[in-house]
Protein backbone atom coordinates (compact mmCIF):
# COMPACT_ATOMS: atom_id res chain seq x y z
CA UNK A 1 -0.14 -0.07 0.06
CA UNK A 2 1.27 3.45 -0.92
CA UNK A 3 1.42 6.50 1.33
CA UNK A 4 -1.01 9.40 0.61
CA UNK A 5 0.42 12.59 -0.62
CA UNK A 6 0.91 15.40 1.78
CA UNK A 7 2.29 18.89 1.25
CA UNK A 8 4.73 19.97 4.08
CA UNK A 9 6.77 23.05 4.70
CA UNK A 10 10.56 22.85 5.27
CA UNK A 11 13.27 25.32 5.82
CA UNK A 12 16.46 24.21 4.37
CA UNK A 13 19.70 24.03 6.42
CA UNK A 14 23.11 23.09 4.72
CA UNK A 15 25.19 20.31 6.24
CA UNK A 16 28.65 20.96 7.56
CA UNK A 17 30.36 19.29 4.60
CA UNK A 18 28.71 21.61 2.04
CA UNK A 19 29.46 24.65 4.12
CA UNK A 20 33.09 23.54 4.28
CA UNK A 21 33.24 23.29 0.51
CA UNK A 22 31.87 26.73 -0.23
CA UNK A 23 32.78 28.86 2.72
CA UNK A 24 36.46 27.98 3.41
CA UNK A 25 39.55 28.25 1.22
CA UNK A 26 40.60 24.72 1.59
CA UNK A 27 37.05 23.69 0.74
CA UNK A 28 36.95 25.81 -2.33
CA UNK A 29 40.15 24.25 -3.61
CA UNK A 30 38.69 20.82 -3.13
CA UNK A 31 35.63 22.01 -4.74
CA UNK A 32 37.49 23.14 -7.78
CA UNK A 33 38.72 19.64 -8.23
CA UNK A 34 35.30 17.93 -7.51
CA UNK A 35 33.42 19.90 -10.04
CA UNK A 36 35.66 18.72 -12.86
CA UNK A 37 33.48 16.61 -15.17
CA UNK A 38 36.19 13.93 -15.21
CA UNK A 39 35.89 13.62 -11.49
CA UNK A 40 32.05 13.40 -11.57
CA UNK A 41 32.35 10.58 -14.21
CA UNK A 42 34.84 8.67 -12.11
CA UNK A 43 32.42 8.89 -9.18
CA UNK A 44 29.60 7.69 -11.38
CA UNK A 45 31.81 4.70 -12.54
CA UNK A 46 32.37 3.78 -8.82
CA UNK A 47 28.62 3.95 -8.16
CA UNK A 48 28.08 1.63 -11.16
CA UNK A 49 30.54 -1.01 -9.83
CA UNK A 50 28.93 -4.24 -8.26
CA UNK A 51 30.90 -3.57 -4.95
CA UNK A 52 28.79 -0.46 -4.49
CA UNK A 53 25.81 -2.63 -3.66
CA UNK A 54 27.16 -2.63 -0.08
CA UNK A 55 26.01 0.96 0.35
CA UNK A 56 22.37 0.30 -0.31
CA UNK A 57 21.21 -1.03 2.99
CA UNK A 58 22.66 1.85 4.98
CA UNK A 59 21.35 4.45 2.69
CA UNK A 60 17.76 2.99 2.90
CA UNK A 61 17.99 2.99 6.77
CA UNK A 62 19.36 6.56 6.99
CA UNK A 63 16.76 7.93 4.71
CA UNK A 64 13.84 6.00 5.91
CA UNK A 65 13.01 4.79 2.46
CA UNK A 66 9.87 2.46 2.22
CA UNK A 67 11.16 -0.20 -0.17
CA UNK A 68 7.58 -1.69 -0.34
CA UNK A 69 6.65 1.08 -2.83
CA UNK A 70 9.45 -0.13 -5.25
CA UNK A 71 9.73 -3.17 -7.57
CA UNK A 72 11.24 -6.16 -5.79
CA UNK A 73 14.42 -6.80 -7.86
CA UNK A 74 18.09 -7.45 -7.12
CA UNK A 75 20.14 -4.33 -7.78
CA UNK A 76 23.33 -4.75 -9.72
CA UNK A 77 25.03 -1.62 -8.15
CA UNK A 78 24.27 1.48 -6.04
CA UNK A 79 23.32 3.43 -9.19
CA UNK A 80 20.97 0.70 -10.20
CA UNK A 81 19.32 1.09 -6.89
CA UNK A 82 19.26 4.89 -6.93
CA UNK A 83 17.42 4.95 -10.17
CA UNK A 84 14.94 2.21 -8.94
CA UNK A 85 11.47 2.02 -10.49
CA UNK A 86 8.55 2.81 -8.26
CA UNK A 87 5.23 0.92 -8.52
CA UNK A 88 2.93 3.01 -10.70
CA UNK A 89 0.16 2.89 -8.11
CA UNK A 90 2.44 4.74 -5.78
CA UNK A 91 2.69 7.85 -8.06
CA UNK A 92 -0.65 8.19 -9.86
CA UNK A 93 -1.50 11.23 -11.96
CA UNK A 94 -4.93 12.80 -12.02
CA UNK A 95 -7.15 11.99 -14.96
CA UNK A 96 -8.57 15.54 -15.04
CA UNK A 97 -6.96 17.33 -17.86
CA UNK A 98 -7.34 20.68 -16.02
CA UNK A 99 -4.97 19.40 -13.08
CA UNK A 100 -1.51 20.44 -12.95
CA UNK A 101 0.70 17.64 -11.52
CA UNK A 102 4.18 17.58 -10.15
CA UNK A 103 6.60 15.92 -12.72
CA UNK A 104 8.80 14.46 -9.90
CA UNK A 105 9.31 14.13 -6.10
CA UNK A 106 11.00 17.21 -4.77
CA UNK A 107 10.95 20.41 -2.72
CA UNK A 108 9.08 22.99 -4.67
CA UNK A 109 9.38 26.87 -4.99
CA UNK A 110 7.68 29.09 -7.48
CA UNK A 111 8.65 32.35 -9.04
CA UNK A 112 7.22 34.88 -11.56
CA UNK A 113 9.28 35.15 -14.75
CA UNK A 114 9.63 39.05 -14.80
CA UNK A 115 9.75 41.47 -17.70
CA UNK A 116 13.56 41.73 -17.45
CA UNK A 117 13.92 37.85 -17.87
CA UNK A 118 15.22 37.33 -14.32
CA UNK A 119 14.03 35.22 -11.43
CA UNK A 120 15.29 34.85 -7.83
CA UNK A 121 16.28 31.64 -6.25
CA UNK A 122 17.58 31.80 -2.61
CA UNK A 123 18.72 35.43 -3.04
CA UNK A 124 20.60 34.81 -6.29
CA UNK A 125 19.30 36.03 -9.64
CA UNK A 126 19.22 33.71 -12.67
CA UNK A 127 17.97 34.68 -16.10
CA UNK A 128 15.77 32.55 -18.25
CA UNK A 129 17.99 33.44 -21.19
CA UNK A 130 21.11 31.93 -19.47
CA UNK A 131 19.25 28.92 -18.40
CA UNK A 132 18.00 28.20 -21.94
CA UNK A 133 20.97 29.85 -23.77
CA UNK A 134 18.33 31.03 -26.25
CA UNK A 135 17.01 34.70 -25.95
CA UNK A 136 14.23 34.33 -28.47
CA UNK A 137 12.76 31.19 -26.66
CA UNK A 138 13.18 33.01 -23.15
CA UNK A 139 11.18 35.95 -24.35
CA UNK A 140 8.33 33.80 -24.97
CA UNK A 141 7.96 33.05 -21.25
CA UNK A 142 8.14 36.56 -19.85
CA UNK A 143 5.18 37.02 -17.58
CA UNK A 144 4.91 33.37 -16.99
CA UNK A 145 5.77 31.15 -14.06
CA UNK A 146 9.04 29.16 -13.11
CA UNK A 147 8.59 26.07 -10.89
CA UNK A 148 11.74 24.70 -9.38
CA UNK A 149 11.77 21.09 -7.87
CA UNK A 150 14.86 20.42 -5.93
CA UNK A 151 15.42 16.72 -5.44
CA UNK A 152 17.47 15.32 -2.56
CA UNK A 153 19.04 11.90 -2.30
CA UNK A 154 16.00 10.39 -0.59
CA UNK A 155 13.60 11.36 -3.37
CA UNK A 156 12.30 9.23 -6.27
CA UNK A 157 14.82 10.15 -8.95
CA UNK A 158 12.66 9.46 -12.08
CA UNK A 159 10.51 12.19 -13.58
CA UNK A 160 7.47 12.25 -15.95
CA UNK A 161 5.59 14.38 -18.44
CA UNK A 162 2.74 16.43 -16.94
CA UNK A 163 0.32 16.29 -19.81
CA UNK A 164 -0.50 14.76 -23.17
CA UNK A 165 1.40 16.47 -25.92
CA UNK A 166 4.28 16.61 -28.46
CA UNK A 167 7.92 17.30 -28.34
CA UNK A 168 8.95 20.43 -30.22
CA UNK A 169 12.69 20.45 -29.66
CA UNK A 170 15.25 19.23 -27.17
CA UNK A 171 18.69 20.94 -26.13
CA UNK A 172 21.64 19.68 -24.03
CA UNK A 173 23.97 22.46 -22.50
CA UNK A 174 27.22 21.18 -20.99
CA UNK A 175 28.58 22.94 -17.89
CA UNK A 176 30.47 22.68 -14.56
CA UNK A 177 28.69 20.47 -12.09
CA UNK A 178 27.99 22.26 -8.76
CA UNK A 179 25.77 21.20 -5.96
CA UNK A 180 22.24 22.63 -6.22
CA UNK A 181 22.03 23.18 -2.41
CA UNK A 182 21.12 26.82 -1.45
CA UNK A 183 24.57 27.57 -0.05
CA UNK A 184 26.12 27.14 -3.38
CA UNK A 185 24.08 30.09 -4.71
CA UNK A 186 26.00 32.59 -2.54
CA UNK A 187 29.05 32.22 -4.64
CA UNK A 188 28.11 30.68 -7.97
CA UNK A 189 25.27 31.09 -10.53
CA UNK A 190 24.49 27.44 -10.10
CA UNK A 191 22.01 26.97 -12.95
CA UNK A 192 24.18 28.83 -15.47
CA UNK A 193 27.17 26.57 -14.75
CA UNK A 194 25.39 23.15 -14.33
CA UNK A 195 24.92 20.65 -16.99
CA UNK A 196 21.27 20.83 -18.03
CA UNK A 197 18.90 19.48 -20.66
CA UNK A 198 15.58 20.85 -21.63
CA UNK A 199 12.70 19.95 -23.84
CA UNK A 200 10.18 22.41 -25.46
CA UNK A 201 6.78 20.75 -25.43
CA UNK A 202 3.32 21.54 -26.90
CA UNK A 203 0.83 20.15 -24.39
CA UNK A 204 -2.87 19.82 -24.57
CA UNK A 205 -3.84 21.58 -21.41
CA UNK A 206 -1.11 24.14 -20.59
CA UNK A 207 0.15 25.15 -24.03
CA UNK A 208 3.85 25.64 -24.67
CA UNK A 209 5.84 24.34 -21.76
CA UNK A 210 9.64 23.75 -21.10
CA UNK A 211 10.83 21.17 -18.70
CA UNK A 212 14.64 21.31 -17.83
CA UNK A 213 16.71 18.90 -15.79
CA UNK A 214 19.77 20.28 -14.14
CA UNK A 215 22.62 17.98 -12.98
CA UNK A 216 24.46 18.61 -9.68
CA UNK A 217 27.65 17.62 -8.03
CA UNK A 218 28.54 13.98 -8.75
CA UNK A 219 25.83 13.77 -11.38
CA UNK A 220 27.38 13.29 -14.72
CA UNK A 221 24.44 11.62 -16.35
CA UNK A 222 20.94 12.93 -16.97
CA UNK A 223 19.02 10.09 -18.88
CA UNK A 224 16.23 11.31 -20.96
CA UNK A 225 14.22 8.95 -23.22
CA UNK A 226 14.66 10.80 -26.49
CA UNK A 227 12.96 8.64 -29.19
CA UNK A 228 9.50 9.89 -28.16
CA UNK A 229 7.71 12.50 -30.40
CA UNK A 230 4.44 12.39 -28.60
CA UNK A 231 3.68 11.47 -24.88
CA UNK A 232 0.84 10.99 -22.49
CA UNK A 233 0.35 12.47 -18.99
CA UNK A 234 2.44 10.37 -16.49
CA UNK A 235 4.69 8.81 -19.14
CA UNK A 236 8.31 8.57 -17.74
CA UNK A 237 10.56 11.23 -19.27
CA UNK A 238 13.88 10.27 -17.71
CA UNK A 239 15.95 9.86 -14.64
CA UNK A 240 18.87 11.21 -12.72
CA UNK A 241 21.80 9.14 -11.35
CA UNK A 242 23.27 9.48 -7.89
CA UNK A 243 23.23 12.96 -6.34
CA UNK A 244 20.91 15.76 -5.66
CA UNK A 245 19.36 17.24 -8.79
CA UNK A 246 16.71 19.75 -10.05
CA UNK A 247 13.80 19.91 -12.42
CA UNK A 248 12.65 23.26 -13.63
CA UNK A 249 9.33 23.85 -15.39
CA UNK A 250 8.55 27.02 -17.34
CA UNK A 251 5.03 28.04 -18.15
CA UNK A 252 3.81 30.95 -20.33
CA UNK A 253 1.72 33.76 -19.12
CA UNK A 254 -1.77 33.01 -18.01
CA UNK A 255 -1.44 29.19 -18.72
CA UNK A 256 -1.56 27.88 -14.94
CA UNK A 257 -3.06 28.76 -11.58
CA UNK A 258 -0.65 27.26 -8.97
CA UNK A 259 -1.99 26.47 -5.50
CA UNK A 260 -1.75 29.58 -3.32
CA UNK A 261 0.13 27.84 -0.46
CA UNK A 262 3.01 27.11 -2.70
CA UNK A 263 3.36 30.77 -3.63
CA UNK A 264 3.06 31.81 0.01
CA UNK A 265 5.67 29.30 1.10
CA UNK A 266 8.10 30.65 -1.46
CA UNK A 267 7.54 34.13 -0.32
CA UNK A 268 8.45 33.01 3.09
CA UNK A 269 11.68 31.59 1.76
CA UNK A 270 10.31 28.06 2.38
CA UNK A 271 10.00 24.94 0.19
CA UNK A 272 6.91 22.71 -0.26
CA UNK A 273 7.47 18.90 -0.28
CA UNK A 274 5.63 17.38 -3.32
CA UNK A 275 5.48 13.88 -4.93
CA UNK A 276 5.38 12.97 -8.58
CA UNK A 277 1.76 13.09 -9.68
CA UNK A 278 0.58 15.37 -6.75
CA UNK A 279 -1.77 18.07 -7.95
CA UNK A 280 -0.17 21.37 -7.46
CA UNK A 281 -2.52 23.54 -9.53
CA UNK A 282 -4.94 23.94 -12.32
CA UNK A 283 -5.18 25.10 -15.94
CA UNK A 284 -5.55 28.87 -15.68
CA UNK A 285 -9.07 30.36 -16.37
CA UNK A 286 -8.86 33.82 -14.99
CA UNK A 287 -5.14 34.34 -15.70
CA UNK A 288 -4.66 36.11 -12.35
CA UNK A 289 -1.65 34.49 -10.79
CA UNK A 290 0.36 37.07 -8.68
């Protein structure tokens, strides 16, 4: 039996290890080495090795993961476990085409896409143009809404399409891999520097939508299923491998009406915990969002 969905509010606190990496000189020297793509790939190789299976039991216990929700199979490595597949009944999507569902598990914040093309994440400013590396496309979303889902290691690391639709285009942008934890934002434009992929989609209920996946420290691989021209609500879009990662969704002006508590939590510098398939809003009717 699967747990029911519940929205909770959390205030994020950085670990001592992440604080060391970003706030001390020795830590920043170490960080310089860690964020190199070759180091990230080496770490990924180790997590793919059969010997890494010894890490699974302790990880499940530390993160209180209910393995009854997942397919009962023998994992070949820690990475194989990390991208484990959940039972479909544990992440159902609403059948109502007006419902806006979360594409993944994560800690959600929401921001308006302002006229100058910038939005704020944890007191750091990021432009949609830099995120997409495409000014023309970015301009189409001015006045819309940006949803940011921050995944942590205990989350389900597969993500899905939120609606029926068709793929318009896909883009991959290589970058330096940094942690997506809030403390990193004090020194780096994290989303500008991270490896990221995004897909422009034409959806039935919400119009033109962009879904972007952003890799983090120790995540050298974002695996998207790319042979699909059309998709259905709830279809799997892809998965992250080991590490904390981020999914970003961009909606055009007057296309969605997000739940008010998510906006309010964001204004209070708090995150809202959601699960894949959880209804977080509706197709916009009035167009009055902020």
